[in-house]
Amino acid sequence: MTGGGRGIGKAIALALAEDGADIAVNYRKDADSANETVAEIEKLGRRARAYQASVDDRAADEAMVAAALDELGPIDILVNNAGIASRGRSVVDTEFAEIERVVGTHAFSAFHLCQLLIPQMRERDRADIVMISSIAARNGAGWSSPYNMAKAAIEALAFGLAKEEQRNGIRVNVVAPGLVETEMGRRLVKGAAGVEDIRTLDASSPFGRVCQPEDVANVVRFVVSDAAGYVSGQRIYVDGGGQ
């Protein structure tokens, strides 16, 4: 679980632990949040470990994967969730270093981890890879090209990978939320619209509330469940029907 210490990642980690999984919680900087997530998972009776790695760093990924396999055993679910926001600049004003940073965090990291983990996943009776994308890949909003490109790239990786690994029993799916009440979501609406309290958007949101991390987690736990055994190469939007 990349980016598993907070927000959507934490909700997914806890949901999968409730369903019986042991969890490797990746984090980049916030060790306290990652350790809190580990403690909550352990309270559920599952094993968990926190692993620090900047996921766009191939060497760091290799070390993290080796440690997780050694401490927790074979990995049969990979959730590529780690992500960062772009700075809200136009294409003309965007520095290429930002493209490298944002696409690297979202998409190159997913490529690295899939490449590192798939060989041992092929030995499992079933394995699942879930890419956490965004409606940004569909909507292509202005002043957000690095983020849009990153999410489009992770989806392209997912759909090709689903075809390649079908014969090996590996399901690959995309879960694409809209605006979610997380730290990133709060920063986004504050920066883009001057909204200080994201919950003031409840009235204008589908079903009268802003999407919660648990809404996304529940879709992830479905696609990796036996109930979704014939579901692969799919994109599921979690946006209340349109945002």
C-alpha atoms as a PDB file:
ATOM      1  CA  MET A   1       0.000   0.000   0.000  1.00  0.00           C
ATOM      2  CA  THR A   2       1.823   3.114  -1.167  1.00  0.00           C
ATOM      3  CA  GLY A   3       0.940   6.358   0.567  1.00  0.00           C
ATOM      4  CA  GLY A   4      -0.782   4.301   3.240  1.00  0.00           C
ATOM      5  CA  GLY A   5      -0.321   6.516   6.270  1.00  0.00           C
ATOM      6  CA  ARG A   6      -3.030   9.079   5.651  1.00  0.00           C
ATOM      7  CA  GLY A   7      -6.187   9.894   3.740  1.00  0.00           C
ATOM      8  CA  ILE A   8      -7.385   7.475   1.084  1.00  0.00           C
ATOM      9  CA  GLY A   9      -4.397   5.183   1.606  1.00  0.00           C
ATOM     10  CA  LYS A  10      -5.070   4.815   5.309  1.00  0.00           C
ATOM     11  CA  ALA A  11      -8.748   4.077   4.709  1.00  0.00           C
ATOM     12  CA  ILE A  12      -7.851   1.389   2.167  1.00  0.00           C
ATOM     13  CA  ALA A  13      -5.253  -0.122   4.486  1.00  0.00           C
ATOM     14  CA  LEU A  14      -7.756  -0.390   7.334  1.00  0.00           C
ATOM     15  CA  ALA A  15     -10.496  -1.778   5.085  1.00  0.00           C
ATOM     16  CA  LEU A  16      -8.254  -4.516   3.711  1.00  0.00           C
ATOM     17  CA  ALA A  17      -7.028  -5.333   7.215  1.00  0.00           C
ATOM     18  CA  GLU A  18     -10.655  -5.703   8.325  1.00  0.00           C
ATOM     19  CA  ASP A  19     -11.054  -8.184   5.469  1.00  0.00           C
ATOM     20  CA  GLY A  20      -8.098 -10.227   6.703  1.00  0.00           C
ATOM     21  CA  ALA A  21      -5.013  -8.801   5.005  1.00  0.00           C
ATOM     22  CA  ASP A  22      -1.658  -8.022   6.562  1.00  0.00           C
ATOM     23  CA  ILE A  23      -0.485  -4.606   5.395  1.00  0.00           C
ATOM     24  CA  ALA A  24       2.815  -3.060   4.340  1.00  0.00           C
ATOM     25  CA  VAL A  25       2.284   0.679   4.831  1.00  0.00           C
ATOM     26  CA  ASN A  26       4.523   2.855   2.696  1.00  0.00           C
ATOM     27  CA  TYR A  27       5.132   6.507   3.561  1.00  0.00           C
ATOM     28  CA  ARG A  28       7.493   9.215   2.342  1.00  0.00           C
ATOM     29  CA  LYS A  29       7.807  11.719   5.210  1.00  0.00           C
ATOM     30  CA  ASP A  30       5.092  11.364   7.844  1.00  0.00           C
ATOM     31  CA  ALA A  31       6.370   8.509  10.000  1.00  0.00           C
ATOM     32  CA  ASP A  32       3.990   9.352  12.843  1.00  0.00           C
ATOM     33  CA  SER A  33       0.897   8.919  10.666  1.00  0.00           C
ATOM     34  CA  ALA A  34       2.241   5.687   9.173  1.00  0.00           C
ATOM     35  CA  ASN A  35       2.950   4.271  12.627  1.00  0.00           C
ATOM     36  CA  GLU A  36      -0.534   5.261  13.796  1.00  0.00           C
ATOM     37  CA  THR A  37      -1.999   3.385  10.836  1.00  0.00           C
ATOM     38  CA  VAL A  38       0.116   0.340  11.697  1.00  0.00           C
ATOM     39  CA  ALA A  39      -1.113   0.476  15.292  1.00  0.00           C
ATOM     40  CA  GLU A  40      -4.761   0.627  14.159  1.00  0.00           C
ATOM     41  CA  ILE A  41      -4.225  -2.358  11.860  1.00  0.00           C
ATOM     42  CA  GLU A  42      -2.652  -4.345  14.682  1.00  0.00           C
ATOM     43  CA  LYS A  43      -5.684  -3.585  16.856  1.00  0.00           C
ATOM     44  CA  LEU A  44      -7.710  -5.361  14.176  1.00  0.00           C
ATOM     45  CA  GLY A  45      -5.601  -8.457  14.753  1.00  0.00           C
ATOM     46  CA  ARG A  46      -3.529  -8.203  11.576  1.00  0.00           C
ATOM     47  CA  ARG A  47       0.193  -7.758  11.064  1.00  0.00           C
ATOM     48  CA  ALA A  48       1.500  -4.470   9.678  1.00  0.00           C
ATOM     49  CA  ARG A  49       4.806  -2.708   9.117  1.00  0.00           C
ATOM     50  CA  ALA A  50       5.643   0.835   8.041  1.00  0.00           C
ATOM     51  CA  TYR A  51       8.239   1.328   5.296  1.00  0.00           C
ATOM     52  CA  GLN A  52       9.770   4.670   4.404  1.00  0.00           C
ATOM     53  CA  ALA A  53      10.480   5.154   0.706  1.00  0.00           C
ATOM     54  CA  SER A  54      10.080   7.870  -1.867  1.00  0.00           C
ATOM     55  CA  VAL A  55       8.300   5.672  -4.374  1.00  0.00           C
ATOM     56  CA  ASP A  56       9.681   7.434  -7.445  1.00  0.00           C
ATOM     57  CA  ASP A  57      13.138   6.199  -6.379  1.00  0.00           C
ATOM     58  CA  ARG A  58      13.775   2.759  -7.887  1.00  0.00           C
ATOM     59  CA  ALA A  59      16.488   1.840  -5.370  1.00  0.00           C
ATOM     60  CA  ALA A  60      14.242   2.805  -2.454  1.00  0.00           C
ATOM     61  CA  ASP A  61      11.443   0.693  -3.929  1.00  0.00           C
ATOM     62  CA  GLU A  62      13.736  -2.287  -4.262  1.00  0.00           C
ATOM     63  CA  ALA A  63      14.798  -2.020  -0.623  1.00  0.00           C
ATOM     64  CA  MET A  64      11.204  -1.576   0.562  1.00  0.00           C
ATOM     65  CA  VAL A  65       9.931  -4.569  -1.420  1.00  0.00           C
ATOM     66  CA  ALA A  66      12.741  -6.783  -0.155  1.00  0.00           C
ATOM     67  CA  ALA A  67      12.035  -5.796   3.457  1.00  0.00           C
ATOM     68  CA  ALA A  68       8.271  -6.285   3.145  1.00  0.00           C
ATOM     69  CA  LEU A  69       8.622  -9.709   1.545  1.00  0.00           C
ATOM     70  CA  ASP A  70      11.059 -10.734   4.243  1.00  0.00           C
ATOM     71  CA  GLU A  71       8.935  -9.503   7.166  1.00  0.00           C
ATOM     72  CA  LEU A  72       5.373 -10.074   5.941  1.00  0.00           C
ATOM     73  CA  GLY A  73       5.743 -12.797   3.332  1.00  0.00           C
ATOM     74  CA  PRO A  74       4.367 -12.974  -0.233  1.00  0.00           C
ATOM     75  CA  ILE A  75       2.358  -9.989  -1.454  1.00  0.00           C
ATOM     76  CA  ASP A  76      -0.819 -10.684  -3.393  1.00  0.00           C
ATOM     77  CA  ILE A  77      -2.429  -7.223  -3.347  1.00  0.00           C
ATOM     78  CA  LEU A  78      -0.630  -4.087  -4.529  1.00  0.00           C
ATOM     79  CA  VAL A  79      -2.415  -0.740  -4.193  1.00  0.00           C
ATOM     80  CA  ASN A  80      -0.605   2.078  -5.975  1.00  0.00           C
ATOM     81  CA  ASN A  81      -2.045   5.050  -4.120  1.00  0.00           C
ATOM     82  CA  ALA A  82       0.860   7.441  -3.477  1.00  0.00           C
ATOM     83  CA  GLY A  83       0.355  10.815  -5.063  1.00  0.00           C
ATOM     84  CA  ILE A  84       1.035  14.522  -4.918  1.00  0.00           C
ATOM     85  CA  ALA A  85      -0.765  17.531  -6.346  1.00  0.00           C
ATOM     86  CA  SER A  86       0.550  19.824  -9.046  1.00  0.00           C
ATOM     87  CA  ARG A  87       0.964  23.560  -8.480  1.00  0.00           C
ATOM     88  CA  GLY A  88      -1.947  24.893 -10.493  1.00  0.00           C
ATOM     89  CA  ARG A  89       0.067  26.541 -13.251  1.00  0.00           C
ATOM     90  CA  SER A  90      -0.637  26.740 -16.974  1.00  0.00           C
ATOM     91  CA  VAL A  91       1.307  24.544 -19.368  1.00  0.00           C
ATOM     92  CA  VAL A  92       3.338  27.566 -20.461  1.00  0.00           C
ATOM     93  CA  ASP A  93       4.340  28.362 -16.882  1.00  0.00           C
ATOM     94  CA  THR A  94       5.003  24.797 -15.686  1.00  0.00           C
ATOM     95  CA  GLU A  95       8.625  23.820 -15.112  1.00  0.00           C
ATOM     96  CA  PHE A  96       9.595  20.462 -16.545  1.00  0.00           C
ATOM     97  CA  ALA A  97      10.943  19.440 -13.149  1.00  0.00           C
ATOM     98  CA  GLU A  98       7.365  19.520 -11.871  1.00  0.00           C
ATOM     99  CA  ILE A  99       6.248  17.147 -14.621  1.00  0.00           C
ATOM    100  CA  GLU A 100       9.036  14.769 -13.655  1.00  0.00           C
ATOM    101  CA  ARG A 101       8.166  15.006  -9.963  1.00  0.00           C
ATOM    102  CA  VAL A 102       4.402  14.532 -10.299  1.00  0.00           C
ATOM    103  CA  VAL A 103       4.427  11.877 -13.021  1.00  0.00           C
ATOM    104  CA  GLY A 104       7.265  10.119 -11.227  1.00  0.00           C
ATOM    105  CA  THR A 105       5.379   9.933  -7.947  1.00  0.00           C
ATOM    106  CA  HIS A 106       2.163   8.656  -9.490  1.00  0.00           C
ATOM    107  CA  ALA A 107       3.125   6.638 -12.548  1.00  0.00           C
ATOM    108  CA  PHE A 108       6.819   5.751 -12.536  1.00  0.00           C
ATOM    109  CA  SER A 109       6.440   4.496  -8.974  1.00  0.00           C
ATOM    110  CA  ALA A 110       3.558   2.242  -9.993  1.00  0.00           C
ATOM    111  CA  PHE A 111       5.636   0.881 -12.868  1.00  0.00           C
ATOM    112  CA  HIS A 112       8.578   0.165 -10.553  1.00  0.00           C
ATOM    113  CA  LEU A 113       6.462  -1.626  -7.955  1.00  0.00           C
ATOM    114  CA  CYS A 114       4.521  -3.663 -10.499  1.00  0.00           C
ATOM    115  CA  GLN A 115       7.783  -4.762 -12.097  1.00  0.00           C
ATOM    116  CA  LEU A 116       9.256  -5.701  -8.725  1.00  0.00           C
ATOM    117  CA  LEU A 117       6.225  -7.538  -7.341  1.00  0.00           C
ATOM    118  CA  ILE A 118       4.558  -9.236 -10.297  1.00  0.00           C
ATOM    119  CA  PRO A 119       7.056 -12.130 -10.574  1.00  0.00           C
ATOM    120  CA  GLN A 120       6.140 -13.376  -7.088  1.00  0.00           C
ATOM    121  CA  MET A 121       2.459 -12.490  -7.621  1.00  0.00           C
ATOM    122  CA  ARG A 122       2.382 -14.939 -10.528  1.00  0.00           C
ATOM    123  CA  GLU A 123       3.010 -17.716  -8.021  1.00  0.00           C
ATOM    124  CA  ARG A 124      -0.106 -16.874  -6.021  1.00  0.00           C
ATOM    125  CA  ASP A 125      -3.513 -18.470  -6.647  1.00  0.00           C
ATOM    126  CA  ARG A 126      -4.833 -14.962  -7.172  1.00  0.00           C
ATOM    127  CA  ALA A 127      -3.287 -11.519  -7.072  1.00  0.00           C
ATOM    128  CA  ASP A 128      -4.635  -7.999  -7.536  1.00  0.00           C
ATOM    129  CA  ILE A 129      -3.173  -4.648  -8.530  1.00  0.00           C
ATOM    130  CA  VAL A 130      -5.253  -1.536  -7.955  1.00  0.00           C
ATOM    131  CA  MET A 131      -4.286   1.868  -9.327  1.00  0.00           C
ATOM    132  CA  ILE A 132      -5.782   4.850  -7.531  1.00  0.00           C
ATOM    133  CA  SER A 133      -6.416   7.357 -10.279  1.00  0.00           C
ATOM    134  CA  SER A 134      -8.722  10.378 -10.435  1.00  0.00           C
ATOM    135  CA  ILE A 135     -11.470  11.943 -12.504  1.00  0.00           C
ATOM    136  CA  ALA A 136      -8.663  14.339 -13.519  1.00  0.00           C
ATOM    137  CA  ALA A 137      -7.613  11.811 -16.168  1.00  0.00           C
ATOM    138  CA  ARG A 138     -11.104  12.019 -17.669  1.00  0.00           C
ATOM    139  CA  ASN A 139     -11.876  15.713 -17.178  1.00  0.00           C
ATOM    140  CA  GLY A 140      -8.498  17.194 -18.066  1.00  0.00           C
ATOM    141  CA  ALA A 141      -8.971  20.425 -16.139  1.00  0.00           C
ATOM    142  CA  GLY A 142      -6.874  23.443 -17.028  1.00  0.00           C
ATOM    143  CA  TRP A 143      -3.940  24.522 -14.867  1.00  0.00           C
ATOM    144  CA  SER A 144      -3.424  20.903 -13.825  1.00  0.00           C
ATOM    145  CA  SER A 145      -1.520  19.262 -16.657  1.00  0.00           C
ATOM    146  CA  PRO A 146       1.153  17.498 -14.540  1.00  0.00           C
ATOM    147  CA  TYR A 147      -1.520  15.828 -12.400  1.00  0.00           C
ATOM    148  CA  ASN A 148      -3.730  15.034 -15.410  1.00  0.00           C
ATOM    149  CA  MET A 149      -0.777  13.482 -17.223  1.00  0.00           C
ATOM    150  CA  ALA A 150       0.218  11.453 -14.169  1.00  0.00           C
ATOM    151  CA  LYS A 151      -3.212   9.941 -13.720  1.00  0.00           C
ATOM    152  CA  ALA A 152      -3.627   9.247 -17.438  1.00  0.00           C
ATOM    153  CA  ALA A 153      -0.276   7.436 -17.356  1.00  0.00           C
ATOM    154  CA  ILE A 154      -1.164   5.215 -14.408  1.00  0.00           C
ATOM    155  CA  GLU A 155      -4.417   4.250 -16.135  1.00  0.00           C
ATOM    156  CA  ALA A 156      -2.577   3.397 -19.363  1.00  0.00           C
ATOM    157  CA  LEU A 157      -0.223   1.193 -17.339  1.00  0.00           C
ATOM    158  CA  ALA A 158      -3.174  -0.559 -15.702  1.00  0.00           C
ATOM    159  CA  PHE A 159      -5.044  -1.384 -18.891  1.00  0.00           C
ATOM    160  CA  GLY A 160      -2.004  -2.795 -20.666  1.00  0.00           C
ATOM    161  CA  LEU A 161      -0.941  -4.733 -17.596  1.00  0.00           C
ATOM    162  CA  ALA A 162      -4.397  -6.261 -17.199  1.00  0.00           C
ATOM    163  CA  LYS A 163      -4.067  -7.836 -20.648  1.00  0.00           C
ATOM    164  CA  GLU A 164      -0.522  -9.059 -20.030  1.00  0.00           C
ATOM    165  CA  GLU A 165      -1.180 -10.667 -16.647  1.00  0.00           C
ATOM    166  CA  GLN A 166      -4.662 -12.109 -17.173  1.00  0.00           C
ATOM    167  CA  ARG A 167      -3.154 -15.516 -18.003  1.00  0.00           C
ATOM    168  CA  ASN A 168      -1.262 -15.402 -14.695  1.00  0.00           C
ATOM    169  CA  GLY A 169      -4.335 -14.873 -12.529  1.00  0.00           C
ATOM    170  CA  ILE A 170      -3.562 -11.237 -11.745  1.00  0.00           C
ATOM    171  CA  ARG A 171      -6.454  -8.775 -11.855  1.00  0.00           C
ATOM    172  CA  VAL A 172      -5.610  -5.124 -12.537  1.00  0.00           C
ATOM    173  CA  ASN A 173      -8.191  -2.380 -12.010  1.00  0.00           C
ATOM    174  CA  VAL A 174      -8.403   1.392 -11.675  1.00  0.00           C
ATOM    175  CA  VAL A 175     -10.356   3.212  -8.969  1.00  0.00           C
ATOM    176  CA  ALA A 176     -10.843   6.871  -9.843  1.00  0.00           C
ATOM    177  CA  PRO A 177     -12.287   9.206  -7.186  1.00  0.00           C
ATOM    178  CA  GLY A 178     -13.467  12.759  -7.574  1.00  0.00           C
ATOM    179  CA  LEU A 179     -12.928  15.282  -4.795  1.00  0.00           C
ATOM    180  CA  VAL A 180     -12.324  13.464  -1.506  1.00  0.00           C
ATOM    181  CA  GLU A 181     -12.117  14.931   1.981  1.00  0.00           C
ATOM    182  CA  THR A 182      -8.407  14.463   2.621  1.00  0.00           C
ATOM    183  CA  GLU A 183      -5.557  16.831   3.383  1.00  0.00           C
ATOM    184  CA  MET A 184      -4.856  17.094  -0.353  1.00  0.00           C
ATOM    185  CA  GLY A 185      -8.539  17.648  -1.110  1.00  0.00           C
ATOM    186  CA  ARG A 186      -8.747  20.433   1.456  1.00  0.00           C
ATOM    187  CA  ARG A 187      -5.660  22.130   0.001  1.00  0.00           C
ATOM    188  CA  LEU A 188      -7.076  21.777  -3.487  1.00  0.00           C
ATOM    189  CA  VAL A 189     -10.379  23.510  -2.816  1.00  0.00           C
ATOM    190  CA  LYS A 190      -8.708  26.200  -0.756  1.00  0.00           C
ATOM    191  CA  GLY A 191      -6.173  26.977  -3.464  1.00  0.00           C
ATOM    192  CA  ALA A 192      -8.542  26.700  -6.413  1.00  0.00           C
ATOM    193  CA  ALA A 193     -11.701  28.237  -4.971  1.00  0.00           C
ATOM    194  CA  GLY A 194     -10.772  29.856  -1.658  1.00  0.00           C
ATOM    195  CA  VAL A 195     -12.922  27.345   0.245  1.00  0.00           C
ATOM    196  CA  GLU A 196     -11.726  27.192   3.861  1.00  0.00           C
ATOM    197  CA  ASP A 197     -13.995  24.331   4.971  1.00  0.00           C
ATOM    198  CA  ILE A 198     -14.446  21.531   2.430  1.00  0.00           C
ATOM    199  CA  ARG A 199     -17.657  20.428   4.137  1.00  0.00           C
ATOM    200  CA  THR A 200     -19.355  23.620   2.975  1.00  0.00           C
ATOM    201  CA  LEU A 201     -19.417  21.839  -0.393  1.00  0.00           C
ATOM    202  CA  ASP A 202     -21.699  19.102   0.966  1.00  0.00           C
ATOM    203  CA  ALA A 203     -24.861  20.761  -0.282  1.00  0.00           C
ATOM    204  CA  SER A 204     -23.596  20.930  -3.865  1.00  0.00           C
ATOM    205  CA  SER A 205     -22.068  17.446  -3.843  1.00  0.00           C
ATOM    206  CA  PRO A 206     -23.741  14.192  -4.994  1.00  0.00           C
ATOM    207  CA  PHE A 207     -25.870  12.641  -2.250  1.00  0.00           C
ATOM    208  CA  GLY A 208     -25.426  15.748  -0.110  1.00  0.00           C
ATOM    209  CA  ARG A 209     -21.862  15.136   1.039  1.00  0.00           C
ATOM    210  CA  VAL A 210     -18.274  15.278  -0.109  1.00  0.00           C
ATOM    211  CA  CYS A 211     -16.770  11.866  -0.880  1.00  0.00           C
ATOM    212  CA  GLN A 212     -14.976  10.292   2.085  1.00  0.00           C
ATOM    213  CA  PRO A 213     -11.829   8.117   2.008  1.00  0.00           C
ATOM    214  CA  GLU A 214     -13.930   5.163   3.156  1.00  0.00           C
ATOM    215  CA  ASP A 215     -16.069   5.466   0.008  1.00  0.00           C
ATOM    216  CA  VAL A 216     -12.964   4.842  -2.076  1.00  0.00           C
ATOM    217  CA  ALA A 217     -11.747   2.090   0.244  1.00  0.00           C
ATOM    218  CA  ASN A 218     -15.000   0.190  -0.100  1.00  0.00           C
ATOM    219  CA  VAL A 219     -14.607   0.058  -3.882  1.00  0.00           C
ATOM    220  CA  VAL A 220     -11.031  -1.193  -3.535  1.00  0.00           C
ATOM    221  CA  ARG A 221     -12.071  -3.929  -1.126  1.00  0.00           C
ATOM    222  CA  PHE A 222     -14.726  -4.984  -3.657  1.00  0.00           C
ATOM    223  CA  VAL A 223     -12.402  -5.252  -6.662  1.00  0.00           C
ATOM    224  CA  VAL A 224      -9.944  -7.442  -4.738  1.00  0.00           C
ATOM    225  CA  SER A 225     -12.709  -9.665  -3.332  1.00  0.00           C
ATOM    226  CA  ASP A 226     -13.989 -13.011  -4.580  1.00  0.00           C
ATOM    227  CA  ALA A 227     -17.160 -11.203  -5.639  1.00  0.00           C
ATOM    228  CA  ALA A 228     -15.100  -9.405  -8.306  1.00  0.00           C
ATOM    229  CA  GLY A 229     -13.241 -12.482  -9.504  1.00  0.00           C
ATOM    230  CA  TYR A 230     -14.178 -11.795 -13.148  1.00  0.00           C
ATOM    231  CA  VAL A 231     -13.451  -8.065 -13.024  1.00  0.00           C
ATOM    232  CA  SER A 232     -10.178  -6.871 -14.530  1.00  0.00           C
ATOM    233  CA  GLY A 233      -9.020  -4.063 -16.792  1.00  0.00           C
ATOM    234  CA  GLN A 234     -11.800  -1.815 -15.514  1.00  0.00           C
ATOM    235  CA  ARG A 235     -11.996   1.779 -14.335  1.00  0.00           C
ATOM    236  CA  ILE A 236     -14.503   2.484 -11.576  1.00  0.00           C
ATOM    237  CA  TYR A 237     -15.315   6.104 -10.830  1.00  0.00           C
ATOM    238  CA  VAL A 238     -16.091   7.083  -7.258  1.00  0.00           C
ATOM    239  CA  ASP A 239     -17.572  10.510  -7.874  1.00  0.00           C
ATOM    240  CA  GLY A 240     -21.199  10.107  -6.905  1.00  0.00           C
ATOM    241  CA  GLY A 241     -22.318   9.876 -10.522  1.00  0.00           C
ATOM    242  CA  GLY A 242     -20.529  12.894 -11.948  1.00  0.00           C
ATOM    243  CA  GLN A 243     -18.468  15.876 -10.803  1.00  0.00           C
END
